[in-house]
Amino acid sequence: MIMAEAQKKQRKQKHNIGAEFGDMFHHHQPEKGPAKITMVQYDGEHYYEEIFTDVNACKTAFRQGLMKWINIDGVHEQHIIADFGKWFGIHPLTQEDITHIDSRPKFEEYSRYVVAILKMLYWENNHVMHEHLCILLFEDMVVTFQEVHAGDSFNLVRNRLREAKGRVRKMGADYLCYALIDDVVDHYIVALEKFGEKVEALDEEVLYRPSKRIMVQLHALKKENLIARKIILPVREMVFNMMRSDTELLSATNNLYLRDVHDHINKVNDSIDSYRESLSAIMDVYLSNNANKLNEVMKTLTTISAIFIPVTFIAGVYGMNFKHMPELESPLGYWITISIMLVLMISMGWYFKKRKWW
């Protein structure tokens, strides 16, 4: 039941076949209510955090001279994305990518901003789930668009901003962009550790308690691993492109931090490959166990058949309808024949047991 619900959440978005470039994707059934706009404005001494439901109210609260992080929960509200597009000069192709929840992770440069598109992973209902995320970096501002969900990966960044911990309040918008991507990657590690625990539990179960249910779990885990690999693998290329970018919006100083994120992504990809190999090994063990069980059954049946072959031969000989068979006239013929059969069966059974064929 939980698996069915999880698969419903991992929905696919229909493509706008035949639509013009820049046409935003329409979400027919948004999961949770209206969009929420959270604007954080800060510098080394000041911090303001406000929540809005429309763009005009957000414009009114805009303070000059402060760094800003605007987070929009709800990529299904096309009019809000369009309003932000007019306000900040966001290209129509970027607006299309914001609403397209199946967009491949990538990094692109525009004249006034750069954009990083990736997915957030989280652990829910004992499954790895994902959520669309789009990060736009301007000169003094970061704008993030994400799906409506109970939470995201940014609580650590929010706490550091609120409590003025670390470098984030003292550095530029590009450092905030790095910190957000770093939090997303760190949550990859957390989600995959939970996934790895399920793989290890299945590995133990296939050895000691093999059952048909393992095949169902194994199929689900292989599917989750494939989805996670499809989501995470392009992020390595995205971060690498950010490191190679010559845009002025990304300072050379932050390349050191991006290299660290790149190392973490490589570690995550190694984990995914390792889990994929483990799942293949579990499949091999399961199939080997089934083959061994079948072999044991066939060996037992073959042994029983071999024991009864000479007995069947004797019964067949004396079942022939010939008149002149001397044993048929003997008063002890029946018991002698039965005794010979029993001796043959016991002897063959003992021999097979001694040779460990049975």
Protein backbone atom coordinates (compact mmCIF):
# COMPACT_ATOMS: atom_id res chain seq x y z
CA MET A 1 0.00 0.00 0.00
CA ILE A 2 2.78 2.42 0.95
CA MET A 3 4.67 1.51 -2.19
CA ALA A 4 1.63 2.31 -4.34
CA GLU A 5 1.23 5.70 -2.66
CA ALA A 6 4.93 6.44 -3.11
CA GLN A 7 4.72 5.64 -6.80
CA LYS A 8 1.80 8.04 -7.16
CA LYS A 9 3.91 10.80 -5.63
CA GLN A 10 6.75 10.14 -8.07
CA ARG A 11 4.55 11.43 -10.86
CA LYS A 12 5.51 12.16 -14.40
CA GLN A 13 4.73 15.44 -16.12
CA LYS A 14 3.31 15.47 -19.61
CA HIS A 15 5.36 17.34 -22.18
CA ASN A 16 4.02 20.36 -24.02
CA ILE A 17 4.32 18.74 -27.42
CA GLY A 18 4.01 21.35 -30.15
CA ALA A 19 4.19 24.30 -27.73
CA GLU A 20 6.33 27.33 -28.49
CA PHE A 21 9.59 27.93 -26.64
CA GLY A 22 9.14 29.51 -23.25
CA ASP A 23 5.59 28.17 -22.73
CA MET A 24 5.23 27.24 -19.09
CA PHE A 25 4.03 23.76 -18.11
CA HIS A 26 0.59 23.59 -16.59
CA HIS A 27 0.13 21.56 -13.40
CA HIS A 28 -3.45 20.31 -13.50
CA GLN A 29 -3.55 19.10 -9.89
CA PRO A 30 -1.29 21.01 -7.52
CA GLU A 31 -0.76 18.90 -4.44
CA LYS A 32 -0.92 21.52 -1.71
CA GLY A 33 -2.63 24.88 -1.75
CA PRO A 34 -1.38 28.23 -3.03
CA ALA A 35 2.23 29.27 -3.49
CA LYS A 36 4.16 30.78 -0.58
CA ILE A 37 6.82 33.46 -1.02
CA THR A 38 9.47 33.77 1.69
CA MET A 39 11.86 36.71 1.45
CA VAL A 40 14.98 36.93 3.60
CA GLN A 41 16.97 40.20 3.57
CA TYR A 42 20.24 40.49 5.45
CA ASP A 43 23.71 41.86 5.87
CA GLY A 44 26.30 41.50 8.62
CA GLU A 45 24.12 43.37 11.15
CA HIS A 46 20.53 43.16 9.94
CA TYR A 47 18.16 40.29 9.23
CA TYR A 48 14.54 40.39 8.02
CA GLU A 49 12.36 37.39 7.16
CA GLU A 50 8.84 37.83 5.79
CA ILE A 51 6.23 35.59 4.14
CA PHE A 52 3.95 36.73 1.30
CA THR A 53 1.30 35.27 -0.97
CA ASP A 54 1.62 37.67 -3.89
CA VAL A 55 4.45 39.40 -5.72
CA ASN A 56 3.25 42.99 -5.18
CA ALA A 57 3.47 42.64 -1.39
CA CYS A 58 6.98 41.26 -1.82
CA LYS A 59 7.94 44.29 -3.94
CA THR A 60 6.68 46.67 -1.26
CA ALA A 61 8.91 45.05 1.41
CA PHE A 62 12.02 45.25 -0.79
CA ARG A 63 14.93 46.92 1.07
CA GLN A 64 17.80 48.39 -0.90
CA GLY A 65 21.39 47.66 0.06
CA LEU A 66 20.71 44.22 1.57
CA MET A 67 21.38 40.72 0.25
CA LYS A 68 18.19 38.87 -0.54
CA TRP A 69 16.99 35.31 -0.74
CA ILE A 70 13.50 34.87 -2.16
CA ASN A 71 12.10 31.35 -1.95
CA ILE A 72 8.89 30.46 -3.81
CA ASP A 73 7.14 27.23 -2.75
CA GLY A 74 4.89 26.25 -5.64
CA VAL A 75 5.96 25.93 -9.26
CA HIS A 76 2.32 25.32 -10.23
CA GLU A 77 1.41 29.03 -9.85
CA GLN A 78 2.25 30.25 -13.36
CA HIS A 79 1.12 33.82 -12.78
CA ILE A 80 3.51 34.20 -9.83
CA ILE A 81 6.42 32.88 -11.89
CA ALA A 82 5.42 35.20 -14.75
CA ASP A 83 5.29 38.19 -12.34
CA PHE A 84 8.76 37.39 -11.02
CA GLY A 85 9.90 36.96 -14.62
CA LYS A 86 8.78 40.51 -15.47
CA TRP A 87 10.22 41.93 -12.24
CA PHE A 88 13.67 40.38 -12.50
CA GLY A 89 13.90 39.94 -16.27
CA ILE A 90 13.85 36.12 -16.18
CA HIS A 91 14.08 34.62 -19.66
CA PRO A 92 10.99 32.68 -20.88
CA LEU A 93 13.12 29.53 -21.32
CA THR A 94 14.08 29.73 -17.65
CA GLN A 95 10.43 30.16 -16.69
CA GLU A 96 9.65 27.04 -18.71
CA ASP A 97 12.37 25.09 -16.86
CA ILE A 98 11.03 26.32 -13.51
CA THR A 99 7.60 24.83 -14.17
CA HIS A 100 8.94 21.67 -15.84
CA ILE A 101 9.41 19.34 -12.86
CA ASP A 102 11.11 16.69 -15.05
CA SER A 103 13.86 19.06 -16.21
CA ARG A 104 17.32 17.52 -16.29
CA PRO A 105 19.80 19.03 -13.77
CA LYS A 106 21.85 21.69 -15.56
CA PHE A 107 23.62 25.05 -15.25
CA GLU A 108 22.98 27.94 -17.65
CA GLU A 109 24.24 31.51 -17.95
CA TYR A 110 22.24 34.56 -18.96
CA SER A 111 23.15 38.25 -19.15
CA ARG A 112 21.82 39.21 -15.69
CA TYR A 113 21.75 35.90 -13.86
CA VAL A 114 22.81 32.27 -13.85
CA VAL A 115 20.50 29.35 -13.15
CA ALA A 116 21.08 25.94 -11.58
CA ILE A 117 18.36 23.32 -11.94
CA LEU A 118 18.50 20.17 -9.82
CA LYS A 119 16.42 17.91 -7.61
CA MET A 120 16.18 17.62 -3.83
CA LEU A 121 16.07 14.11 -2.39
CA TYR A 122 14.36 13.26 0.89
CA TRP A 123 13.35 10.14 2.78
CA GLU A 124 9.60 9.70 3.22
CA ASN A 125 7.37 6.67 3.86
CA ASN A 126 10.47 4.46 3.77
CA HIS A 127 11.24 5.50 0.19
CA VAL A 128 13.54 7.96 -1.60
CA MET A 129 11.43 10.83 -2.97
CA HIS A 130 12.46 13.85 -5.01
CA GLU A 131 11.39 17.46 -5.51
CA HIS A 132 12.11 19.93 -8.29
CA LEU A 133 14.37 22.90 -7.47
CA CYS A 134 15.52 25.89 -9.52
CA ILE A 135 18.14 28.36 -8.15
CA LEU A 136 18.66 31.75 -9.82
CA LEU A 137 21.72 33.77 -8.84
CA PHE A 138 21.72 37.54 -9.40
CA GLU A 139 24.35 40.07 -8.36
CA ASP A 140 22.91 40.67 -4.88
CA MET A 141 20.09 38.15 -4.70
CA VAL A 142 19.23 34.45 -4.90
CA VAL A 143 15.77 33.32 -6.02
CA THR A 144 14.73 29.68 -5.52
CA PHE A 145 11.66 27.96 -6.92
CA GLN A 146 10.54 24.59 -5.57
CA GLU A 147 7.48 22.39 -5.40
CA VAL A 148 5.00 22.71 -2.56
CA HIS A 149 6.05 20.24 0.10
CA ALA A 150 6.18 19.91 3.89
CA GLY A 151 9.83 21.03 3.91
CA ASP A 152 13.07 21.30 2.00
CA SER A 153 16.83 20.91 2.42
CA PHE A 154 17.56 24.46 3.54
CA ASN A 155 16.94 24.47 7.30
CA LEU A 156 20.67 24.60 8.09
CA VAL A 157 21.15 27.63 5.84
CA ARG A 158 18.11 29.35 7.37
CA ASN A 159 19.43 28.79 10.89
CA ARG A 160 22.86 30.13 9.99
CA LEU A 161 21.26 33.23 8.47
CA ARG A 162 19.00 33.80 11.47
CA GLU A 163 21.75 33.27 14.04
CA ALA A 164 24.54 34.94 12.00
CA LYS A 165 26.66 31.79 12.16
CA GLY A 166 29.41 30.99 9.71
CA ARG A 167 30.26 33.01 6.60
CA VAL A 168 26.88 33.22 4.92
CA ARG A 169 25.90 36.65 6.37
CA LYS A 170 29.33 38.09 5.52
CA MET A 171 29.70 36.75 1.99
CA GLY A 172 27.95 37.58 -1.27
CA ALA A 173 24.96 36.04 -3.02
CA ASP A 174 27.18 33.51 -4.80
CA TYR A 175 28.21 32.03 -1.44
CA LEU A 176 24.52 31.69 -0.48
CA CYS A 177 23.95 29.90 -3.81
CA TYR A 178 26.84 27.53 -2.99
CA ALA A 179 25.47 26.93 0.53
CA LEU A 180 22.04 25.99 -0.85
CA ILE A 181 23.52 23.54 -3.36
CA ASP A 182 25.76 22.11 -0.65
CA ASP A 183 22.72 21.49 1.58
CA VAL A 184 20.94 19.73 -1.27
CA VAL A 185 23.96 17.47 -1.86
CA ASP A 186 24.27 16.73 1.87
CA HIS A 187 20.65 15.56 1.87
CA TYR A 188 21.51 13.25 -1.02
CA ILE A 189 23.94 11.54 1.37
CA VAL A 190 21.32 11.32 4.15
CA ALA A 191 18.63 9.87 1.85
CA LEU A 192 21.04 7.36 0.33
CA GLU A 193 22.21 6.22 3.76
CA LYS A 194 18.59 5.34 4.59
CA PHE A 195 18.33 3.62 1.22
CA GLY A 196 21.55 1.71 1.97
CA GLU A 197 20.08 0.44 5.25
CA LYS A 198 17.18 -1.09 3.32
CA VAL A 199 19.61 -2.73 0.89
CA GLU A 200 21.63 -4.20 3.78
CA ALA A 201 18.46 -5.49 5.48
CA LEU A 202 17.38 -7.13 2.23
CA ASP A 203 20.84 -8.66 1.84
CA GLU A 204 20.49 -10.31 5.27
CA GLU A 205 16.95 -11.47 4.55
CA VAL A 206 17.79 -13.10 1.23
CA LEU A 207 20.37 -15.30 3.00
CA TYR A 208 18.33 -16.38 6.02
CA ARG A 209 14.66 -15.81 5.13
CA PRO A 210 14.28 -16.01 1.34
CA SER A 211 10.74 -15.52 0.05
CA LYS A 212 8.82 -14.26 -2.97
CA ARG A 213 8.32 -10.92 -1.18
CA ILE A 214 12.04 -10.25 -1.64
CA MET A 215 11.58 -10.04 -5.40
CA VAL A 216 8.94 -7.33 -4.98
CA GLN A 217 11.17 -5.34 -2.62
CA LEU A 218 14.17 -5.89 -4.86
CA HIS A 219 12.33 -4.58 -7.90
CA ALA A 220 11.20 -1.47 -5.97
CA LEU A 221 14.72 -0.78 -4.69
CA LYS A 222 16.25 -1.19 -8.15
CA LYS A 223 13.71 1.28 -9.52
CA GLU A 224 14.47 3.80 -6.75
CA ASN A 225 18.20 3.38 -7.35
CA LEU A 226 17.72 4.03 -11.07
CA ILE A 227 15.67 7.18 -10.40
CA ALA A 228 18.24 8.47 -7.88
CA ARG A 229 21.07 7.83 -10.33
CA LYS A 230 19.19 9.66 -13.08
CA ILE A 231 18.71 12.62 -10.74
CA ILE A 232 22.16 12.79 -9.14
CA LEU A 233 24.53 11.91 -11.98
CA PRO A 234 23.89 15.12 -13.99
CA VAL A 235 24.45 17.24 -10.86
CA ARG A 236 28.17 16.41 -11.08
CA GLU A 237 28.24 17.90 -14.57
CA MET A 238 26.21 20.90 -13.37
CA VAL A 239 28.66 21.70 -10.54
CA PHE A 240 31.60 21.16 -12.89
CA ASN A 241 30.12 23.67 -15.34
CA MET A 242 29.72 26.16 -12.49
CA MET A 243 33.39 25.73 -11.64
CA ARG A 244 34.42 26.32 -15.27
CA SER A 245 32.11 29.29 -15.74
CA ASP A 246 33.73 32.69 -16.27
CA THR A 247 30.66 34.66 -15.18
CA GLU A 248 31.31 37.54 -12.80
CA LEU A 249 28.41 36.41 -10.62
CA LEU A 250 30.52 33.49 -9.32
CA SER A 251 33.72 34.65 -7.62
CA ALA A 252 36.92 32.65 -7.97
CA THR A 253 37.07 32.33 -4.16
CA ASN A 254 33.93 30.19 -4.12
CA ASN A 255 35.43 27.75 -6.60
CA LEU A 256 37.14 26.10 -3.64
CA TYR A 257 33.75 25.44 -2.05
CA LEU A 258 32.29 24.20 -5.34
CA ARG A 259 35.18 21.76 -5.63
CA ASP A 260 34.20 20.40 -2.22
CA VAL A 261 30.60 19.98 -3.42
CA HIS A 262 31.94 18.24 -6.52
CA ASP A 263 33.84 15.79 -4.31
CA HIS A 264 30.67 15.09 -2.34
CA ILE A 265 28.75 14.45 -5.56
CA ASN A 266 31.42 11.97 -6.66
CA LYS A 267 31.04 10.20 -3.32
CA VAL A 268 27.27 10.04 -3.75
CA ASN A 269 27.63 8.65 -7.28
CA ASP A 270 30.02 6.00 -5.97
CA SER A 271 27.42 5.05 -3.35
CA ILE A 272 24.71 4.74 -5.99
CA ASP A 273 26.91 2.49 -8.12
CA SER A 274 27.76 0.43 -5.05
CA TYR A 275 24.07 -0.03 -4.17
CA ARG A 276 23.30 -0.98 -7.75
CA GLU A 277 25.96 -3.69 -7.63
CA SER A 278 24.67 -4.86 -4.24
CA LEU A 279 21.13 -5.15 -5.60
CA SER A 280 22.40 -7.16 -8.58
CA ALA A 281 24.31 -9.41 -6.17
CA ILE A 282 21.16 -9.88 -4.05
CA MET A 283 19.27 -10.84 -7.19
CA ASP A 284 21.97 -13.40 -8.04
CA VAL A 285 21.88 -14.83 -4.51
CA TYR A 286 18.08 -15.09 -4.62
CA LEU A 287 18.13 -16.86 -7.99
CA SER A 288 20.95 -19.15 -6.81
CA ASN A 289 18.99 -20.07 -3.69
CA ASN A 290 15.95 -20.90 -5.79
CA ALA A 291 18.09 -22.94 -8.19
CA ASN A 292 19.68 -24.79 -5.26
CA LYS A 293 16.26 -25.56 -3.79
CA LEU A 294 15.12 -26.87 -7.15
CA ASN A 295 18.28 -28.96 -7.43
CA GLU A 296 17.68 -30.44 -3.97
CA VAL A 297 14.14 -31.37 -4.91
CA MET A 298 15.25 -32.87 -8.20
CA LYS A 299 18.05 -34.78 -6.46
CA THR A 300 15.61 -36.28 -3.96
CA LEU A 301 13.14 -37.25 -6.66
CA THR A 302 15.91 -38.72 -8.79
CA THR A 303 17.22 -40.77 -5.84
CA ILE A 304 13.76 -42.14 -5.06
CA SER A 305 13.23 -42.97 -8.72
CA ALA A 306 16.62 -44.74 -8.88
CA ILE A 307 15.76 -46.83 -5.81
CA PHE A 308 12.48 -47.94 -7.34
CA ILE A 309 13.92 -48.77 -10.79
CA PRO A 310 15.10 -52.36 -9.94
CA VAL A 311 11.97 -52.99 -7.89
CA THR A 312 9.85 -51.86 -10.80
CA PHE A 313 11.85 -54.11 -13.11
CA ILE A 314 11.23 -57.17 -10.91
CA ALA A 315 7.53 -56.32 -10.63
CA GLY A 316 7.38 -55.94 -14.40
CA VAL A 317 9.05 -59.31 -15.02
CA TYR A 318 6.66 -61.17 -12.75
CA GLY A 319 3.74 -59.28 -14.17
CA MET A 320 4.22 -60.98 -17.56
CA ASN A 321 1.54 -63.50 -18.47
CA PHE A 322 3.70 -66.58 -19.09
CA LYS A 323 2.51 -70.02 -18.03
CA HIS A 324 5.86 -71.63 -17.30
CA MET A 325 7.45 -69.42 -14.60
CA PRO A 326 8.75 -71.73 -11.82
CA GLU A 327 8.61 -69.08 -9.08
CA LEU A 328 4.89 -68.64 -9.62
CA GLU A 329 4.26 -72.19 -8.47
CA SER A 330 6.44 -71.91 -5.34
CA PRO A 331 4.52 -71.39 -2.04
CA LEU A 332 7.25 -68.95 -0.88
CA GLY A 333 7.66 -67.15 -4.24
CA TYR A 334 5.76 -64.03 -3.18
CA TRP A 335 7.70 -63.54 0.07
CA ILE A 336 11.03 -64.27 -1.60
CA THR A 337 10.33 -61.65 -4.27
CA ILE A 338 9.22 -59.05 -1.71
CA SER A 339 12.31 -59.73 0.38
CA ILE A 340 14.60 -59.27 -2.62
CA MET A 341 12.86 -55.99 -3.41
CA LEU A 342 13.28 -54.71 0.14
CA VAL A 343 16.95 -55.72 0.26
CA LEU A 344 17.59 -53.93 -3.03
CA MET A 345 15.80 -50.76 -1.86
CA ILE A 346 17.57 -50.66 1.52
CA SER A 347 20.96 -51.39 -0.05
CA MET A 348 20.63 -48.66 -2.65
CA GLY A 349 19.34 -46.16 -0.08
CA TRP A 350 22.30 -46.89 2.20
CA TYR A 351 24.75 -46.61 -0.72
CA PHE A 352 23.33 -43.24 -1.82
CA LYS A 353 23.46 -41.94 1.76
CA LYS A 354 27.06 -43.07 2.15
CA ARG A 355 28.05 -41.27 -1.05
CA LYS A 356 26.11 -38.19 0.17
CA TRP A 357 23.90 -38.21 -2.88
CA TRP A 358 20.84 -38.05 -0.66
